[in-house]
């Protein structure tokens, strides 16, 4: 074989090796990129899945109004959220068999009384379907009940559910959850207290704790 031919063959072989290395580098790069995209997709899916599960098991809406009313009335925002969760699960437009309306299930009689005492002169019952009004009135009632029972949350919740007269008879500010004789009210109070803790833990940023 003549030297020129051997040199040309070596050149072709070297070029072929360089081409194979370039192809291999491209494959490695695309493989790494694909793995990275898969990892990002898994992380995003996990985040979306976690958020979806949280929204299903413990929904939260109108957090701006909740924070506003909590600050205005000196309430724990998680308590307001927990009451809404127990009363309506944040579904607007609900009306109970007793005629209680909206997110915090305010009765027309209670709403009119709160409007009169809080200066809501333009209030009409349809306003209870508005989250701003409903949460404001529900928060007003919670603040009153907490003051009535020296800050005892269990007693205030028992009164919110079954009326102050019953809460007074059951012990007032000294009320213990396990001593509530009405199973429905006892379960309600425990549900709200448990949800209050969970709202603090799961929605710290949204409710203004972080």
Protein backbone atom coordinates (compact mmCIF):
# COMPACT_ATOMS: atom_id res chain seq x y z
CA UNK A 1 0.00 0.00 0.00
CA UNK A 2 1.43 3.34 -0.93
CA UNK A 3 2.08 5.95 1.84
CA UNK A 4 -0.42 8.47 0.49
CA UNK A 5 -3.18 5.84 0.56
CA UNK A 6 -2.25 4.81 4.15
CA UNK A 7 -2.30 8.45 5.29
CA UNK A 8 -5.72 8.98 3.73
CA UNK A 9 -7.04 5.85 5.46
CA UNK A 10 -5.71 7.06 8.81
CA UNK A 11 -7.32 10.42 8.22
CA UNK A 12 -10.65 8.78 7.44
CA UNK A 13 -10.40 6.59 10.54
CA UNK A 14 -9.55 9.60 12.74
CA UNK A 15 -12.44 11.55 11.29
CA UNK A 16 -14.74 8.61 11.88
CA UNK A 17 -13.65 8.42 15.51
CA UNK A 18 -14.22 12.14 15.94
CA UNK A 19 -17.71 11.77 14.42
CA UNK A 20 -18.51 8.89 16.77
CA UNK A 21 -17.33 10.92 19.76
CA UNK A 22 -19.47 13.87 18.67
CA UNK A 23 -22.48 11.59 18.26
CA UNK A 24 -21.80 10.06 21.68
CA UNK A 25 -21.48 13.49 23.31
CA UNK A 26 -24.77 14.57 21.70
CA UNK A 27 -26.48 11.43 22.93
CA UNK A 28 -25.12 11.92 26.43
CA UNK A 29 -26.20 15.56 26.44
CA UNK A 30 -29.71 14.73 25.22
CA UNK A 31 -29.91 11.85 27.68
CA UNK A 32 -28.93 14.14 30.56
CA UNK A 33 -31.40 16.77 29.37
CA UNK A 34 -34.16 14.18 29.16
CA UNK A 35 -33.40 12.94 32.68
CA UNK A 36 -33.42 16.52 33.94
CA UNK A 37 -36.80 17.15 32.34
CA UNK A 38 -38.18 13.97 33.86
CA UNK A 39 -36.92 15.00 37.30
CA UNK A 40 -38.46 18.47 36.92
CA UNK A 41 -41.73 16.93 35.74
CA UNK A 42 -41.82 14.59 38.74
CA UNK A 43 -41.15 17.47 41.13
CA UNK A 44 -43.82 19.60 39.48
CA UNK A 45 -46.29 16.71 39.53
CA UNK A 46 -45.60 16.05 43.20
CA UNK A 47 -46.14 19.73 43.98
CA UNK A 48 -49.38 19.86 42.02
CA UNK A 49 -50.52 16.56 43.52
CA UNK A 50 -49.77 17.77 47.04
CA UNK A 51 -51.61 21.03 46.38
CA UNK A 52 -54.59 19.19 44.90
CA UNK A 53 -54.78 16.81 47.86
CA UNK A 54 -54.56 19.74 50.28
CA UNK A 55 -57.32 21.57 48.44
CA UNK A 56 -59.56 18.50 48.49
CA UNK A 57 -59.00 17.54 52.11
CA UNK A 58 -58.70 21.05 53.55
CA UNK A 59 -59.85 23.71 51.06
CA UNK A 60 -59.11 27.40 51.45
CA UNK A 61 -60.70 30.32 49.62
CA UNK A 62 -61.03 34.07 50.27
CA UNK A 63 -57.86 34.13 52.37
CA UNK A 64 -57.48 37.86 51.77
CA UNK A 65 -60.87 38.50 53.41
CA UNK A 66 -60.06 36.07 56.22
CA UNK A 67 -56.78 37.85 56.98
CA UNK A 68 -58.51 41.23 56.83
CA UNK A 69 -61.28 40.23 59.24
CA UNK A 70 -58.89 38.42 61.57
CA UNK A 71 -56.76 41.54 61.90
CA UNK A 72 -59.77 43.84 62.23
CA UNK A 73 -61.46 41.74 64.92
CA UNK A 74 -58.45 40.32 66.71
CA UNK A 75 -59.08 36.72 65.68
CA UNK A 76 -56.90 33.81 64.68
CA UNK A 77 -57.29 33.57 60.88
CA UNK A 78 -57.06 29.78 61.13
CA UNK A 79 -60.09 29.82 63.43
CA UNK A 80 -62.15 31.74 60.87
CA UNK A 81 -61.03 29.34 58.13
CA UNK A 82 -61.85 26.34 60.33
CA UNK A 83 -65.36 27.59 61.04
CA UNK A 84 -65.98 28.17 57.33
CA UNK A 85 -64.67 24.68 56.63
CA UNK A 86 -67.00 23.13 59.22
CA UNK A 87 -69.99 25.19 58.14
CA UNK A 88 -69.79 25.10 54.35
CA UNK A 89 -66.42 23.69 53.19
CA UNK A 90 -65.97 27.06 51.42
CA UNK A 91 -68.92 26.42 49.08
CA UNK A 92 -70.80 29.67 48.54
CA UNK A 93 -74.57 29.89 48.32
CA UNK A 94 -75.44 27.21 50.84
CA UNK A 95 -78.58 27.56 52.94
CA UNK A 96 -79.34 25.22 55.85
CA UNK A 97 -82.73 23.83 56.83
CA UNK A 98 -82.81 26.50 59.57
CA UNK A 99 -82.26 29.24 56.98
CA UNK A 100 -78.60 29.92 57.82
CA UNK A 101 -76.83 31.28 54.76
CA UNK A 102 -73.43 31.50 53.14
CA UNK A 103 -69.90 30.51 54.01
CA UNK A 104 -70.25 30.90 57.79
CA UNK A 105 -73.93 29.94 57.88
CA UNK A 106 -75.42 33.08 59.43
CA UNK A 107 -79.16 33.06 60.15
CA UNK A 108 -81.24 36.04 58.96
CA UNK A 109 -82.13 36.95 62.55
CA UNK A 110 -78.48 36.96 63.64
CA UNK A 111 -77.45 38.88 60.52
CA UNK A 112 -80.03 41.61 61.12
CA UNK A 113 -78.93 41.93 64.73
CA UNK A 114 -75.25 42.18 63.76
CA UNK A 115 -76.08 44.73 61.05
CA UNK A 116 -78.00 46.84 63.56
CA UNK A 117 -75.22 46.76 66.17
CA UNK A 118 -72.32 47.13 63.75
CA UNK A 119 -73.77 50.00 61.73
CA UNK A 120 -74.64 48.02 58.60
CA UNK A 121 -77.61 50.22 57.77
CA UNK A 122 -77.71 49.23 54.09
CA UNK A 123 -77.67 45.49 54.83
CA UNK A 124 -80.12 43.20 53.00
CA UNK A 125 -80.31 39.42 53.39
CA UNK A 126 -78.95 38.78 49.91
CA UNK A 127 -75.69 40.31 51.15
CA UNK A 128 -75.06 37.08 53.09
CA UNK A 129 -74.25 35.41 49.77
CA UNK A 130 -71.31 37.81 49.41
CA UNK A 131 -68.11 36.36 50.93
CA UNK A 132 -66.98 39.76 52.24
CA UNK A 133 -70.22 40.35 54.17
CA UNK A 134 -70.70 36.78 55.31
CA UNK A 135 -67.15 36.40 56.66
CA UNK A 136 -67.35 39.85 58.27
CA UNK A 137 -70.57 38.97 60.10
CA UNK A 138 -69.37 35.50 61.06
CA UNK A 139 -66.15 36.98 62.41
CA UNK A 140 -68.13 39.61 64.32
CA UNK A 141 -70.14 36.84 65.97
CA UNK A 142 -67.02 34.82 66.80
CA UNK A 143 -65.41 37.87 68.42
CA UNK A 144 -68.52 38.48 70.53
CA UNK A 145 -68.70 34.87 71.68
CA UNK A 146 -65.00 34.73 72.56
CA UNK A 147 -65.41 37.89 74.63
CA UNK A 148 -68.48 36.41 76.32
CA UNK A 149 -66.56 33.28 77.35
CA UNK A 150 -63.29 34.96 78.35
CA UNK A 151 -61.48 33.80 75.23
CA UNK A 152 -62.44 30.13 75.61
CA UNK A 153 -62.56 28.85 72.04
CA UNK A 154 -64.46 25.63 72.80
CA UNK A 155 -67.24 27.51 74.57
CA UNK A 156 -67.45 30.10 71.79
CA UNK A 157 -67.71 27.38 69.17
CA UNK A 158 -70.36 25.52 71.16
CA UNK A 159 -72.36 28.75 71.32
CA UNK A 160 -71.81 29.38 67.60
CA UNK A 161 -73.28 25.96 66.85
CA UNK A 162 -75.94 25.48 69.52
CA UNK A 163 -76.56 28.96 70.88
CA UNK A 164 -75.19 30.85 73.91
CA UNK A 165 -77.99 29.58 76.17
CA UNK A 166 -76.86 25.99 75.74
CA UNK A 167 -73.18 26.88 76.08
CA UNK A 168 -73.96 28.71 79.33
CA UNK A 169 -75.74 25.66 80.73
CA UNK A 170 -72.86 23.39 79.76
CA UNK A 171 -70.30 25.35 81.72
CA UNK A 172 -69.68 28.60 79.88
CA UNK A 173 -66.04 29.65 80.01
CA UNK A 174 -65.25 26.43 81.92
CA UNK A 175 -66.76 24.21 79.24
CA UNK A 176 -64.83 21.09 78.28
CA UNK A 177 -65.42 19.57 74.86
CA UNK A 178 -66.02 16.10 76.26
CA UNK A 179 -68.75 17.46 78.54
CA UNK A 180 -70.92 18.82 75.71
CA UNK A 181 -74.06 16.64 75.89
CA UNK A 182 -75.15 17.18 72.27
CA UNK A 183 -73.16 14.72 70.08
CA UNK A 184 -73.58 16.96 67.03
CA UNK A 185 -72.23 20.04 68.83
CA UNK A 186 -69.45 18.07 70.50
CA UNK A 187 -68.34 16.72 67.10
CA UNK A 188 -68.63 20.20 65.58
CA UNK A 189 -66.42 21.82 68.22
CA UNK A 190 -63.79 19.10 67.93
CA UNK A 191 -63.86 19.32 64.13
CA UNK A 192 -63.26 23.08 64.20
CA UNK A 193 -60.47 22.83 66.77
CA UNK A 194 -58.73 20.12 64.71
CA UNK A 195 -59.17 22.10 61.49
CA UNK A 196 -57.84 25.27 63.15
CA UNK A 197 -54.58 23.49 63.94
CA UNK A 198 -54.35 22.06 60.42
CA UNK A 199 -54.99 25.43 58.77
CA UNK A 200 -52.14 26.92 60.78
CA UNK A 201 -49.82 24.12 59.71
CA UNK A 202 -50.78 23.84 56.04
CA UNK A 203 -51.64 27.42 55.11
CA UNK A 204 -49.21 29.47 57.16
CA UNK A 205 -48.24 31.74 54.27
CA UNK A 206 -51.77 32.19 52.89
CA UNK A 207 -53.17 33.06 56.32
CA UNK A 208 -50.38 35.44 57.22
CA UNK A 209 -48.36 33.42 59.74
CA UNK A 210 -45.16 33.21 57.64
